[in-house]
Protein backbone atom coordinates (compact mmCIF):
# COMPACT_ATOMS: atom_id res chain seq x y z
CA MET A 1 0.00 0.00 0.00
CA LYS A 2 2.79 2.45 0.93
CA VAL A 3 4.62 1.72 -2.31
CA SER A 4 1.50 2.42 -4.37
CA ILE A 5 0.93 5.77 -2.64
CA PHE A 6 4.58 6.88 -3.24
CA VAL A 7 4.41 5.86 -6.90
CA GLY A 8 1.15 7.74 -7.35
CA ILE A 9 2.51 10.97 -5.85
CA THR A 10 5.64 10.75 -8.05
CA ILE A 11 3.56 10.31 -11.20
CA VAL A 12 1.42 13.33 -10.31
CA LEU A 13 4.49 15.56 -9.77
CA ILE A 14 6.07 14.50 -13.07
CA LEU A 15 2.86 15.15 -14.97
CA GLY A 16 2.58 18.57 -13.32
CA MET A 17 6.08 19.53 -14.41
CA LEU A 18 5.45 18.33 -17.95
CA ALA A 19 2.31 20.39 -18.02
CA VAL A 20 4.31 23.55 -17.22
CA VAL A 21 7.34 22.88 -19.39
CA GLY A 22 6.10 23.03 -22.92
CA SER A 23 2.94 24.95 -22.15
CA GLU A 24 2.08 28.17 -24.00
CA ASP A 25 1.97 31.45 -22.10
CA PRO A 26 -0.29 34.18 -23.59
CA TYR A 27 2.33 36.89 -22.92
CA TYR A 28 5.76 35.22 -23.24
CA GLY A 29 5.09 32.24 -25.56
CA LEU A 30 6.53 28.76 -25.00
CA VAL A 31 7.78 28.05 -21.46
CA VAL A 32 11.14 26.30 -21.76
CA GLY A 33 11.91 26.00 -18.08
CA ARG A 34 11.94 27.84 -14.80
CA ASN A 35 14.23 30.77 -14.23
CA PRO A 36 16.53 29.67 -11.40
CA TYR A 37 16.61 33.33 -10.21
CA SER A 38 12.84 33.60 -9.77
CA PHE A 39 10.87 32.38 -6.82
CA SER A 40 7.74 30.89 -8.35
CA TYR A 41 5.56 30.83 -11.41
CA PRO A 42 3.71 32.76 -12.61
CA TYR A 43 4.68 36.34 -11.61
CA ASP A 44 4.84 39.59 -13.48
CA SER A 45 8.38 40.40 -14.83
CA CYS A 46 8.86 43.19 -12.29
CA GLY A 47 6.58 41.82 -9.64
CA SER A 48 7.19 41.22 -5.98
CA TYR A 49 10.13 38.92 -6.76
CA GLY A 50 12.32 41.37 -8.61
CA CYS A 51 13.17 42.20 -12.19
CA CYS A 52 14.32 38.79 -13.36
CA ASN A 53 11.74 37.37 -15.75
CA CYS A 54 10.04 34.29 -14.47
CA TYR A 55 9.56 32.86 -17.93
CA ILE A 56 12.85 33.41 -19.71
CA TYR A 57 16.46 33.57 -18.60
CA GLU A 58 17.15 37.15 -19.77
CA PRO A 59 16.71 39.81 -17.06
CA GLU A 60 14.44 42.79 -17.36
CA ASP A 61 16.01 45.81 -19.14
CA CYS A 62 16.72 48.28 -16.28
CA ASP A 63 18.37 50.93 -18.43
CA ASP A 64 16.85 54.27 -17.45
CA GLY A 65 18.60 56.14 -20.28
CA ASN A 66 20.55 58.25 -17.78
CA PRO A 67 24.33 58.29 -18.45
CA CYS A 68 24.90 59.35 -14.85
CA THR A 69 23.56 56.13 -13.32
CA VAL A 70 24.78 52.55 -13.24
CA ASP A 71 21.72 50.35 -13.81
CA SER A 72 21.35 46.81 -12.50
CA CYS A 73 18.69 44.28 -11.58
CA THR A 74 18.41 42.81 -8.10
CA SER A 75 15.86 40.78 -6.19
CA ASP A 76 14.47 44.10 -5.01
CA GLY A 77 13.96 45.38 -8.55
CA CYS A 78 15.88 47.75 -10.80
CA VAL A 79 18.62 49.75 -9.09
CA HIS A 80 20.09 52.98 -10.47
CA LYS A 81 23.23 53.99 -8.62
CA PRO A 82 25.01 57.30 -9.39
CA VAL A 83 27.98 56.76 -11.67
CA ASN A 84 31.41 57.43 -10.13
CA CYS A 85 33.15 60.08 -12.25
CA ASP A 86 36.11 60.51 -9.92
CA ASP A 87 39.27 60.19 -12.04
CA GLY A 88 41.57 60.34 -9.02
CA ASN A 89 43.13 63.57 -10.27
CA SER A 90 43.20 66.35 -7.66
CA CYS A 91 43.58 68.91 -10.47
CA THR A 92 40.19 68.22 -12.07
CA VAL A 93 36.62 68.91 -11.00
CA ASP A 94 34.63 65.78 -11.83
CA SER A 95 30.94 65.82 -12.64
CA CYS A 96 28.35 64.06 -14.76
CA THR A 97 26.33 65.68 -17.51
CA SER A 98 23.91 64.51 -20.15
CA GLY A 99 26.98 63.55 -22.17
CA GLY A 100 28.52 61.50 -19.37
CA CYS A 101 31.47 62.17 -17.08
CA VAL A 102 33.26 65.51 -17.41
CA HIS A 103 36.66 66.36 -15.91
CA GLU A 104 37.29 70.11 -15.95
CA PRO A 105 40.62 71.63 -14.82
CA VAL A 106 40.46 72.97 -11.29
CA ASN A 107 40.71 76.75 -10.83
CA CYS A 108 43.89 77.48 -8.85
CA ASP A 109 43.71 81.27 -9.23
CA ASP A 110 44.17 82.88 -5.81
CA GLY A 111 43.42 86.36 -7.16
CA ASN A 112 46.96 87.54 -6.39
CA PRO A 113 48.74 89.09 -9.42
CA CYS A 114 52.08 88.47 -7.70
CA THR A 115 51.80 84.68 -7.80
CA VAL A 116 51.93 82.10 -10.58
CA ASP A 117 49.21 79.57 -9.80
CA SER A 118 49.28 75.91 -10.79
CA CYS A 119 48.08 72.50 -9.66
CA THR A 120 50.24 69.48 -8.82
CA PRO A 121 49.41 66.00 -7.55
CA LYS A 122 50.03 67.41 -4.06
CA GLY A 123 47.56 70.27 -4.50
CA TYR A 124 47.62 73.95 -5.35
CA VAL A 125 50.93 75.79 -5.80
CA HIS A 126 51.29 79.58 -5.74
CA GLU A 127 54.82 80.66 -6.68
CA ALA A 128 56.03 84.25 -6.52
CA VAL A 129 55.91 85.92 -9.92
CA ASN A 130 59.25 86.95 -11.45
CA CYS A 131 59.15 90.68 -12.26
CA ASP A 132 62.81 90.93 -13.25
CA ASP A 133 62.98 92.69 -16.63
CA GLY A 134 66.74 92.18 -16.96
CA ASN A 135 67.35 95.93 -16.91
CA PRO A 136 69.96 97.03 -14.32
CA CYS A 137 68.57 100.55 -14.45
CA THR A 138 65.16 99.60 -13.03
CA VAL A 139 64.03 98.46 -9.60
CA ASP A 140 61.54 95.64 -10.17
CA SER A 141 58.74 94.81 -7.76
CA CYS A 142 55.20 93.47 -7.66
CA THR A 143 52.17 95.43 -6.48
CA PRO A 144 48.43 94.68 -6.36
CA ASN A 145 48.39 95.94 -9.95
CA GLY A 146 51.17 93.60 -11.09
CA CYS A 147 54.85 94.09 -11.91
CA VAL A 148 56.34 97.59 -11.61
CA HIS A 149 59.71 98.72 -13.02
CA GLU A 150 60.86 102.01 -11.48
CA PRO A 151 64.06 103.81 -12.58
CA VAL A 152 66.99 103.02 -10.30
CA ASN A 153 68.40 105.89 -8.19
CA CYS A 154 72.13 106.17 -8.93
CA ASP A 155 72.68 109.30 -6.84
CA ASP A 156 75.64 108.63 -4.53
CA GLY A 157 75.21 111.92 -2.68
CA ASN A 158 78.57 113.17 -3.90
CA PRO A 159 78.40 116.56 -5.65
CA CYS A 160 81.73 115.87 -7.28
CA THR A 161 80.46 112.96 -9.36
CA ALA A 162 78.11 112.86 -12.32
CA ASP A 163 75.78 109.93 -11.68
CA SER A 164 74.10 107.91 -14.42
CA CYS A 165 73.00 104.39 -15.28
CA SER A 166 74.37 102.20 -18.05
CA SER A 167 73.96 98.62 -19.18
CA SER A 168 76.41 97.71 -16.42
CA GLY A 169 74.52 99.60 -13.73
CA CYS A 170 75.20 102.89 -11.97
CA VAL A 171 78.18 104.98 -13.09
CA HIS A 172 79.78 107.81 -11.05
CA GLU A 173 82.16 109.91 -13.14
CA PRO A 174 84.13 112.86 -11.69
CA VAL A 175 82.37 116.13 -12.36
CA ASN A 176 84.14 118.63 -14.63
CA CYS A 177 84.52 121.96 -12.82
CA ASP A 178 86.69 123.63 -15.46
CA ASP A 179 85.13 126.98 -16.37
CA ARG A 180 87.89 127.66 -18.97
CA ASN A 181 88.78 130.87 -17.20
CA PRO A 182 92.56 131.25 -16.73
CA CYS A 183 91.96 133.64 -13.90
CA THR A 184 90.22 131.08 -11.69
CA VAL A 185 91.40 128.00 -9.88
CA ASP A 186 88.71 125.35 -10.32
CA SER A 187 88.05 122.60 -7.83
CA CYS A 188 85.26 120.53 -6.34
CA THR A 189 84.26 120.60 -2.70
CA PRO A 190 81.46 118.98 -0.69
CA ASN A 191 79.42 121.98 -1.78
CA GLY A 192 80.20 121.44 -5.46
CA CYS A 193 82.46 123.23 -7.94
CA VAL A 194 84.44 126.21 -6.69
CA HIS A 195 86.18 128.79 -8.90
CA GLU A 196 88.60 130.89 -6.89
CA PRO A 197 90.04 134.00 -8.60
CA VAL A 198 93.76 134.43 -9.23
CA PHE A 199 95.50 137.85 -9.43
CA CYS A 200 96.24 138.53 -13.07
CA LYS A 201 97.95 141.75 -14.25
CA GLU A 202 97.97 143.07 -17.73
CA ASN A 203 100.72 141.69 -19.98
CA MET A 204 101.50 138.93 -17.51
CA HIS A 205 100.89 135.24 -18.29
CA LEU A 206 101.03 132.33 -15.95
CA GLY A 207 104.23 130.38 -16.20
CA VAL A 208 105.74 132.79 -18.74
CA ASP A 209 108.42 135.40 -17.99
CA ALA A 210 107.05 138.91 -18.36
CA TRP A 211 107.86 142.53 -17.67
CA TYR A 212 105.61 144.53 -15.43
CA GLY A 213 106.58 147.91 -14.21
CA GLU A 214 110.06 147.84 -12.79
CA TYR A 215 110.25 144.12 -12.06
CA TRP A 216 110.83 141.04 -14.18
CA PHE A 217 108.37 138.31 -13.25
CA THR A 218 109.08 134.65 -13.86
CA GLU A 219 106.30 133.37 -11.62
CA ILE A 220 103.15 134.95 -10.37
CA PHE A 221 103.90 137.76 -7.92
CA LYS A 222 107.54 136.66 -7.51
CA PRO A 223 109.93 139.25 -9.00
CA LYS A 224 113.07 137.75 -10.42
CA TRP A 225 115.17 140.93 -9.98
CA PRO A 226 114.59 144.65 -9.89
CA GLN A 227 114.55 146.11 -13.28
CA ARG A 228 114.05 149.73 -14.15
CA VAL A 229 112.37 150.54 -17.37
């Protein structure tokens, strides 16, 4: 009796399976087998048991048409996770647009005209700008308006030098105090050029023997011997 009951139950189960496999479904056509990822038959393709079709082995299409999501099918249904656009580059700003991931260069500008701004793998770098114009006659500096090149001051405070600037830098040449007047002794002092008068008589020349009155002069104001005219 027990053997007959077991055989009968087995036959019923086999017939039930044959009735499912090979049957025609009004929506999906011929049933070729059970989807091992579904829980039971029949259920709607996105029913309470997820997005995996209960009738065929291909999963439901979860593509939402959004390039900024990663679409997948789970037992809980379609999942749309935000796409990861991070390129691992600290010098780009990563985002997602309708065209997909975008990596724009980061803005390192610190708003300081006296720095050269750049980005390195270690982060932002702000190096001092080089205002040197290669001209030894200018003093170069940087201001809130940018580089400034002011004329160099070559004045050495010495009134006896003529100060100027050349390609080699400041030049201090001795000042020329000669006034081309033979009756002055020209020199330079802390107050500048000085022209002191010398005593000159008519018909007498410096350094030249000359007659004047009753004396013969060989040097200024030093009679050589008395001489009557």
